[in-house]
Amino acid sequence: MSETVPTLREELLPSFDAPGDSPYTWLRDMAGTLRDHLLVHGAVLVHGLPMDGPDSVATAREALGIARHTPTEAFNDRGDFGDGVLSPITWPGERMLCPFQEGSFSRTFPSVVLTACLTPPDGDGRTHLSDTRRLLDHLPAPLAERVRTTGWTLARTFHEGFGITWRKAFSVPDRAALEELFEAAGISAEWLPGGTLYTVRRRPGVVDHPVTGEECWFNQISFLNAGNLDPAERAIMVKAFGKYLPMNTYSGGGSPFSDDDLAAILHAYDSVRIDVAWRRGDLLITDNIIMAQGRSAFEGTPEFLVALGEDQSPRPGSRGREPEGDR
């Protein structure tokens, strides 16, 4: 992403200091206040919690009154510590992670994400938050309207011996269970030679927030597009898999996004970005519809845990309806 775009000051993100005595009782008492801040600011940072493992993250989620969310599909192989506590998605520490919203390729997704810092990164590695309510104003009008009207398409291919298997991605034991899941999830599928599974699903690219009614950019168009792969790695992928790349995104009608489209989306994320520096014991609470999360390159061996909460689906009749294709 461009380094010349000014970012918002970290101080604009509301932050609170948990007391040393009875921090989870304090968190329970503060739950309503923190939720109010989420709806206004999209994220809240709490310092000084005893975040030392999966149990502490689950305790914090319960203190906040947030119901756990179980994903219906995994992007890649991430650690599962039970009780709804996960590792962050697997991503090389030396690479920047483009902002994305958890589960935005699924019909049911989490509306809240808790990120706990057990060990902060060395140096100045930071999480990037991008306010999706403001992002649309920073996109070229034709691109914004195209995504608003037609949504986006994710094509995902599972190749035997490469990446996560479809059984693990969807947590199913066999094809019969997979077909049942696909019918409920609105995913079309085709079996290719060699046991390769090719899937396609269309999703809304812009949704209305279920509480505030605000229009929010909600997709992984940029994050999962092959055009944002390292050029050398993309060339290897294309040579190995042809058009059936492990991941790629298109418009709702199936037409490709151009390099200019992808650059514009990345620029828009940067234009509304807030940088979050980490301390040991921090808990970042984000509204998953309002805020997309990414990060800079991380140094050292940082440790984070993630808890996804509260099932949500696009509201019928809103901009969150599933689009029918290009118009």
Protein backbone atom coordinates (compact mmCIF):
# COMPACT_ATOMS: atom_id res chain seq x y z
CA MET A 1 0.00 0.00 0.00
CA SER A 2 1.04 3.58 -0.53
CA GLU A 3 3.12 5.05 2.29
CA THR A 4 2.35 8.64 1.28
CA VAL A 5 -1.31 8.58 2.37
CA PRO A 6 -1.71 10.23 5.80
CA THR A 7 -3.25 7.99 8.44
CA LEU A 8 -5.52 8.94 11.30
CA ARG A 9 -3.93 9.40 14.69
CA GLU A 10 -4.06 6.39 16.97
CA GLU A 11 -5.53 8.67 19.66
CA LEU A 12 -8.80 8.78 17.70
CA LEU A 13 -9.41 5.15 18.71
CA PRO A 14 -11.16 5.05 22.11
CA SER A 15 -9.04 3.29 24.72
CA PHE A 16 -9.61 2.27 28.34
CA ASP A 17 -7.34 1.02 31.12
CA ALA A 18 -8.61 -2.01 33.00
CA PRO A 19 -7.98 -1.96 36.77
CA GLY A 20 -5.52 -4.38 38.29
CA ASP A 21 -8.15 -5.72 40.68
CA SER A 22 -11.13 -7.66 39.25
CA PRO A 23 -10.48 -6.70 35.60
CA TYR A 24 -13.17 -9.05 34.24
CA THR A 25 -15.79 -7.66 36.63
CA TRP A 26 -14.86 -4.21 35.36
CA LEU A 27 -15.12 -5.46 31.79
CA ARG A 28 -18.59 -6.86 32.50
CA ASP A 29 -19.68 -3.54 34.01
CA MET A 30 -18.26 -1.65 31.03
CA ALA A 31 -19.83 -3.88 28.37
CA GLY A 32 -22.66 -1.49 27.51
CA THR A 33 -20.32 1.49 27.28
CA LEU A 34 -17.88 -0.37 25.07
CA ARG A 35 -20.68 -1.47 22.72
CA ASP A 36 -21.86 2.13 22.44
CA HIS A 37 -18.34 3.16 21.44
CA LEU A 38 -18.18 0.33 18.89
CA LEU A 39 -21.21 1.69 17.04
CA VAL A 40 -19.68 5.17 16.86
CA HIS A 41 -15.98 4.45 16.36
CA GLY A 42 -15.97 0.86 15.04
CA ALA A 43 -13.32 -0.31 17.50
CA VAL A 44 -12.23 0.03 21.12
CA LEU A 45 -8.87 -0.81 22.71
CA VAL A 46 -8.65 -2.03 26.31
CA HIS A 47 -5.25 -2.00 28.02
CA GLY A 48 -4.04 -3.97 31.01
CA LEU A 49 -6.08 -7.16 30.90
CA PRO A 50 -4.49 -10.46 32.02
CA MET A 51 -4.37 -11.86 28.48
CA ASP A 52 -2.20 -14.95 28.88
CA GLY A 53 -3.94 -17.70 26.89
CA PRO A 54 -7.15 -18.99 25.32
CA ASP A 55 -9.03 -19.18 28.63
CA SER A 56 -8.48 -15.49 29.32
CA VAL A 57 -9.78 -14.54 25.87
CA ALA A 58 -12.90 -16.68 26.33
CA THR A 59 -13.43 -15.12 29.77
CA ALA A 60 -13.20 -11.64 28.30
CA ARG A 61 -15.72 -12.53 25.57
CA GLU A 62 -18.14 -13.88 28.16
CA ALA A 63 -17.68 -10.81 30.39
CA LEU A 64 -18.65 -8.64 27.43
CA GLY A 65 -21.76 -10.74 26.82
CA ILE A 66 -20.67 -11.69 23.31
CA ALA A 67 -21.97 -15.01 21.98
CA ARG A 68 -19.36 -17.13 20.23
CA HIS A 69 -19.37 -17.48 16.46
CA THR A 70 -18.28 -20.68 14.71
CA PRO A 71 -17.09 -20.09 11.12
CA THR A 72 -18.67 -22.23 8.41
CA GLU A 73 -15.56 -22.00 6.23
CA ALA A 74 -11.86 -21.50 6.96
CA PHE A 75 -9.69 -19.30 4.78
CA ASN A 76 -6.54 -21.18 5.73
CA ASP A 77 -5.16 -23.40 8.46
CA ARG A 78 -5.40 -21.48 11.75
CA GLY A 79 -5.04 -22.82 15.26
CA ASP A 80 -8.23 -23.75 17.10
CA PHE A 81 -7.89 -23.65 20.89
CA GLY A 82 -11.48 -24.58 21.64
CA ASP A 83 -14.33 -22.52 23.09
CA GLY A 84 -14.34 -20.31 20.00
CA VAL A 85 -10.75 -19.05 20.41
CA LEU A 86 -8.52 -19.14 17.31
CA SER A 87 -5.12 -18.02 16.15
CA PRO A 88 -5.04 -15.21 13.58
CA ILE A 89 -5.12 -16.37 9.97
CA THR A 90 -1.79 -17.81 8.89
CA TRP A 91 0.22 -15.06 7.17
CA PRO A 92 3.98 -14.47 6.84
CA GLY A 93 5.16 -12.06 9.52
CA GLU A 94 7.44 -10.18 7.14
CA ARG A 95 4.55 -9.33 4.81
CA MET A 96 1.90 -6.68 5.18
CA LEU A 97 -1.66 -8.02 5.48
CA CYS A 98 -4.30 -6.21 3.44
CA PRO A 99 -7.35 -5.19 5.52
CA PHE A 100 -10.23 -7.66 5.43
CA GLN A 101 -13.38 -8.51 7.38
CA GLU A 102 -13.68 -11.95 8.95
CA GLY A 103 -16.13 -14.25 7.19
CA SER A 104 -17.28 -11.66 4.64
CA PHE A 105 -17.31 -14.42 1.98
CA SER A 106 -19.92 -16.37 4.00
CA ARG A 107 -23.66 -15.94 4.36
CA THR A 108 -23.27 -15.99 8.13
CA PHE A 109 -20.35 -14.06 9.61
CA PRO A 110 -19.21 -12.65 12.97
CA SER A 111 -20.28 -9.12 13.82
CA VAL A 112 -17.64 -8.71 16.54
CA VAL A 113 -13.96 -9.67 16.58
CA LEU A 114 -11.79 -9.74 19.72
CA THR A 115 -8.02 -9.68 19.22
CA ALA A 116 -5.87 -10.27 22.29
CA CYS A 117 -2.15 -9.46 22.45
CA LEU A 118 -0.20 -11.97 24.54
CA THR A 119 3.21 -10.86 23.21
CA PRO A 120 3.55 -7.65 21.17
CA PRO A 121 5.69 -7.51 18.03
CA ASP A 122 9.16 -6.06 18.14
CA GLY A 123 9.75 -2.66 16.59
CA ASP A 124 6.83 -0.63 15.30
CA GLY A 125 4.62 -3.37 13.86
CA ARG A 126 1.01 -2.24 13.98
CA THR A 127 -2.50 -3.36 13.17
CA HIS A 128 -4.30 -1.32 10.53
CA LEU A 129 -8.01 -0.58 10.92
CA SER A 130 -10.03 0.90 8.05
CA ASP A 131 -13.48 2.40 8.61
CA THR A 132 -15.65 0.89 5.87
CA ARG A 133 -18.37 3.53 6.31
CA ARG A 134 -15.93 6.14 5.04
CA LEU A 135 -14.11 3.98 2.50
CA LEU A 136 -16.78 4.28 -0.20
CA ASP A 137 -16.17 8.04 -0.40
CA HIS A 138 -12.55 7.36 -1.36
CA LEU A 139 -13.32 5.02 -4.26
CA PRO A 140 -13.91 6.05 -7.87
CA ALA A 141 -17.68 6.50 -8.18
CA PRO A 142 -18.10 3.93 -11.02
CA LEU A 143 -16.23 1.26 -9.05
CA ALA A 144 -18.19 1.96 -5.86
CA GLU A 145 -21.50 1.78 -7.72
CA ARG A 146 -20.49 -1.39 -9.55
CA VAL A 147 -19.77 -3.20 -6.29
CA ARG A 148 -22.81 -1.69 -4.59
CA THR A 149 -25.09 -2.86 -7.41
CA THR A 150 -23.65 -6.22 -8.49
CA GLY A 151 -21.69 -7.38 -5.44
CA TRP A 152 -18.65 -9.61 -5.85
CA THR A 153 -17.82 -13.20 -6.70
CA LEU A 154 -15.29 -15.46 -4.98
CA ALA A 155 -13.91 -18.40 -6.95
CA ARG A 156 -12.10 -20.87 -4.71
CA THR A 157 -10.39 -24.04 -5.92
CA PHE A 158 -9.20 -26.90 -3.72
CA HIS A 159 -6.33 -28.81 -5.34
CA GLU A 160 -5.29 -32.15 -3.89
CA GLY A 161 -1.93 -31.79 -2.14
CA PHE A 162 -1.96 -27.97 -2.15
CA GLY A 163 -3.14 -25.79 0.72
CA ILE A 164 -6.00 -26.55 3.07
CA THR A 165 -8.28 -29.42 2.05
CA TRP A 166 -11.99 -28.93 1.46
CA ARG A 167 -12.71 -31.29 4.35
CA LYS A 168 -10.81 -29.06 6.74
CA ALA A 169 -11.98 -25.78 5.20
CA PHE A 170 -15.65 -26.71 5.64
CA SER A 171 -15.30 -29.12 8.61
CA VAL A 172 -17.15 -31.91 6.83
CA PRO A 173 -16.26 -35.63 6.55
CA ASP A 174 -17.50 -36.45 3.04
CA ARG A 175 -19.03 -35.18 -0.20
CA ALA A 176 -22.60 -35.75 0.95
CA ALA A 177 -22.14 -33.43 3.92
CA LEU A 178 -20.31 -30.96 1.68
CA GLU A 179 -23.18 -30.80 -0.81
CA GLU A 180 -25.66 -30.17 1.99
CA LEU A 181 -23.50 -27.34 3.32
CA PHE A 182 -23.13 -25.80 -0.15
CA GLU A 183 -26.89 -25.73 -0.63
CA ALA A 184 -27.36 -23.86 2.64
CA ALA A 185 -24.41 -21.52 1.98
CA GLY A 186 -25.34 -20.60 -1.59
CA ILE A 187 -22.14 -22.03 -3.09
CA SER A 188 -22.04 -23.71 -6.49
CA ALA A 189 -19.45 -26.41 -7.03
CA GLU A 190 -17.86 -28.46 -9.79
CA TRP A 191 -15.60 -31.48 -9.48
CA LEU A 192 -12.65 -31.35 -11.85
CA PRO A 193 -10.26 -34.17 -12.82
CA GLY A 194 -7.92 -35.39 -10.11
CA GLY A 195 -10.31 -34.67 -7.26
CA THR A 196 -10.04 -30.89 -7.66
CA LEU A 197 -13.03 -28.98 -6.26
CA TYR A 198 -13.97 -25.66 -7.88
CA THR A 199 -16.43 -23.44 -6.00
CA VAL A 200 -18.12 -20.15 -6.81
CA ARG A 201 -20.28 -17.92 -4.65
CA ARG A 202 -21.68 -14.42 -5.12
CA ARG A 203 -21.94 -12.07 -2.17
CA PRO A 204 -23.03 -8.49 -1.55
CA GLY A 205 -20.12 -6.05 -1.63
CA VAL A 206 -21.85 -3.35 0.40
CA VAL A 207 -24.23 -3.97 3.32
CA ASP A 208 -26.29 -1.93 5.75
CA HIS A 209 -25.14 -2.13 9.35
CA PRO A 210 -27.82 -4.09 11.25
CA VAL A 211 -27.98 -1.56 14.11
CA THR A 212 -27.09 1.85 12.68
CA GLY A 213 -28.29 1.29 9.10
CA GLU A 214 -25.06 2.83 7.79
CA GLU A 215 -23.75 1.70 4.42
CA CYS A 216 -20.54 -0.33 4.84
CA TRP A 217 -18.05 -1.78 2.37
CA PHE A 218 -18.10 -5.51 3.22
CA ASN A 219 -16.07 -7.91 1.08
CA GLN A 220 -12.65 -9.42 0.42
CA ILE A 221 -12.36 -8.28 -3.19
CA SER A 222 -8.83 -7.00 -2.76
CA PHE A 223 -7.51 -9.44 -0.17
CA LEU A 224 -8.42 -12.57 -2.15
CA ASN A 225 -7.72 -11.26 -5.66
CA ALA A 226 -4.90 -12.97 -7.54
CA GLY A 227 -3.78 -9.57 -8.82
CA ASN A 228 -2.47 -8.73 -5.35
CA LEU A 229 -0.15 -11.74 -5.19
CA ASP A 230 3.56 -11.21 -5.54
CA PRO A 231 4.12 -11.20 -9.35
CA ALA A 232 6.63 -14.06 -9.22
CA GLU A 233 4.34 -16.16 -7.03
CA ARG A 234 1.36 -15.38 -9.24
CA ALA A 235 3.27 -16.54 -12.32
CA ILE A 236 4.06 -19.84 -10.59
CA MET A 237 0.41 -20.27 -9.57
CA VAL A 238 -0.88 -19.55 -13.07
CA LYS A 239 1.62 -22.00 -14.57
CA ALA A 240 0.57 -24.70 -12.10
CA PHE A 241 -3.20 -24.18 -12.03
CA GLY A 242 -4.18 -22.10 -15.05
CA LYS A 243 -7.48 -20.31 -14.49
CA TYR A 244 -8.27 -22.48 -11.47
CA LEU A 245 -6.24 -20.49 -8.96
CA PRO A 246 -6.75 -21.30 -5.27
CA MET A 247 -8.47 -17.92 -4.78
CA ASN A 248 -9.66 -15.16 -7.06
CA THR A 249 -12.35 -12.49 -7.04
CA TYR A 250 -14.57 -10.99 -9.72
CA SER A 251 -17.52 -8.65 -9.96
CA GLY A 252 -20.95 -10.04 -9.19
CA GLY A 253 -21.44 -10.75 -12.88
CA GLY A 254 -18.10 -12.52 -13.24
CA SER A 255 -16.07 -9.80 -14.98
CA PRO A 256 -12.53 -9.25 -13.66
CA PHE A 257 -11.34 -6.36 -11.54
CA SER A 258 -8.57 -4.39 -13.24
CA ASP A 259 -5.23 -3.48 -11.72
CA ASP A 260 -6.54 0.08 -11.43
CA ASP A 261 -9.59 -1.19 -9.52
CA LEU A 262 -7.40 -3.09 -7.06
CA ALA A 263 -5.06 -0.13 -6.61
CA ALA A 264 -8.05 2.14 -5.95
CA ILE A 265 -9.39 -0.22 -3.28
CA LEU A 266 -6.02 -0.43 -1.53
CA HIS A 267 -5.71 3.35 -1.67
CA ALA A 268 -9.18 3.72 -0.14
CA TYR A 269 -8.27 1.39 2.75
CA ASP A 270 -5.17 3.51 3.36
CA SER A 271 -7.09 6.77 3.19
CA VAL A 272 -9.27 5.85 6.19
CA ARG A 273 -6.65 3.90 8.12
CA ILE A 274 -6.04 4.03 11.86
CA ASP A 275 -2.81 2.48 13.15
CA VAL A 276 -2.90 0.53 16.42
CA ALA A 277 0.30 -0.08 18.39
CA TRP A 278 0.27 -3.09 20.71
CA ARG A 279 1.08 -3.63 24.38
CA ARG A 280 1.06 -6.91 26.26
CA GLY A 281 -2.43 -7.51 27.67
CA ASP A 282 -4.27 -5.41 25.09
CA LEU A 283 -7.72 -6.43 23.88
CA LEU A 284 -8.91 -4.88 20.61
CA ILE A 285 -12.68 -5.10 20.18
CA THR A 286 -13.88 -4.38 16.65
CA ASP A 287 -17.21 -4.23 14.88
CA ASN A 288 -16.49 -6.59 11.99
CA ILE A 289 -18.88 -4.78 9.64
CA ILE A 290 -17.61 -1.27 10.34
CA MET A 291 -13.89 -2.05 10.56
CA ALA A 292 -11.61 -3.99 8.22
CA GLN A 293 -8.41 -5.23 9.86
CA GLY A 294 -4.93 -5.67 8.40
CA ARG A 295 -1.42 -5.12 9.67
CA SER A 296 2.05 -4.00 8.80
CA ALA A 297 4.95 -6.44 8.67
CA PHE A 298 5.67 -7.82 12.14
CA GLU A 299 9.11 -8.41 13.62
CA GLY A 300 9.94 -10.84 16.38
CA THR A 301 7.54 -13.58 17.52
CA PRO A 302 4.31 -11.79 18.47
CA GLU A 303 1.47 -13.85 19.92
CA PHE A 304 -2.16 -13.01 19.30
CA LEU A 305 -5.43 -14.84 19.84
CA VAL A 306 -8.77 -14.13 18.18
CA ALA A 307 -12.35 -14.74 19.30
CA LEU A 308 -15.18 -14.29 16.80
CA GLY A 309 -18.59 -13.37 18.14
CA GLU A 310 -22.28 -13.00 17.34
CA ASP A 311 -23.66 -14.52 14.14
CA GLN A 312 -24.86 -12.00 11.59
CA SER A 313 -26.35 -12.14 8.09
CA PRO A 314 -27.16 -9.34 5.65
CA ARG A 315 -30.62 -7.96 6.31
CA PRO A 316 -33.24 -8.86 3.65
CA GLY A 317 -34.38 -5.91 1.60
CA SER A 318 -31.30 -3.81 2.33
CA ARG A 319 -28.17 -3.17 0.33
CA GLY A 320 -27.01 -6.40 1.95
CA ARG A 321 -29.26 -8.56 -0.24
CA GLU A 322 -27.47 -11.00 -2.49
CA PRO A 323 -27.13 -9.33 -5.92
CA GLU A 324 -28.33 -10.93 -9.09
CA GLY A 325 -25.42 -9.97 -11.34
CA ASP A 326 -24.20 -7.17 -13.57
CA ARG A 327 -26.80 -4.72 -14.80
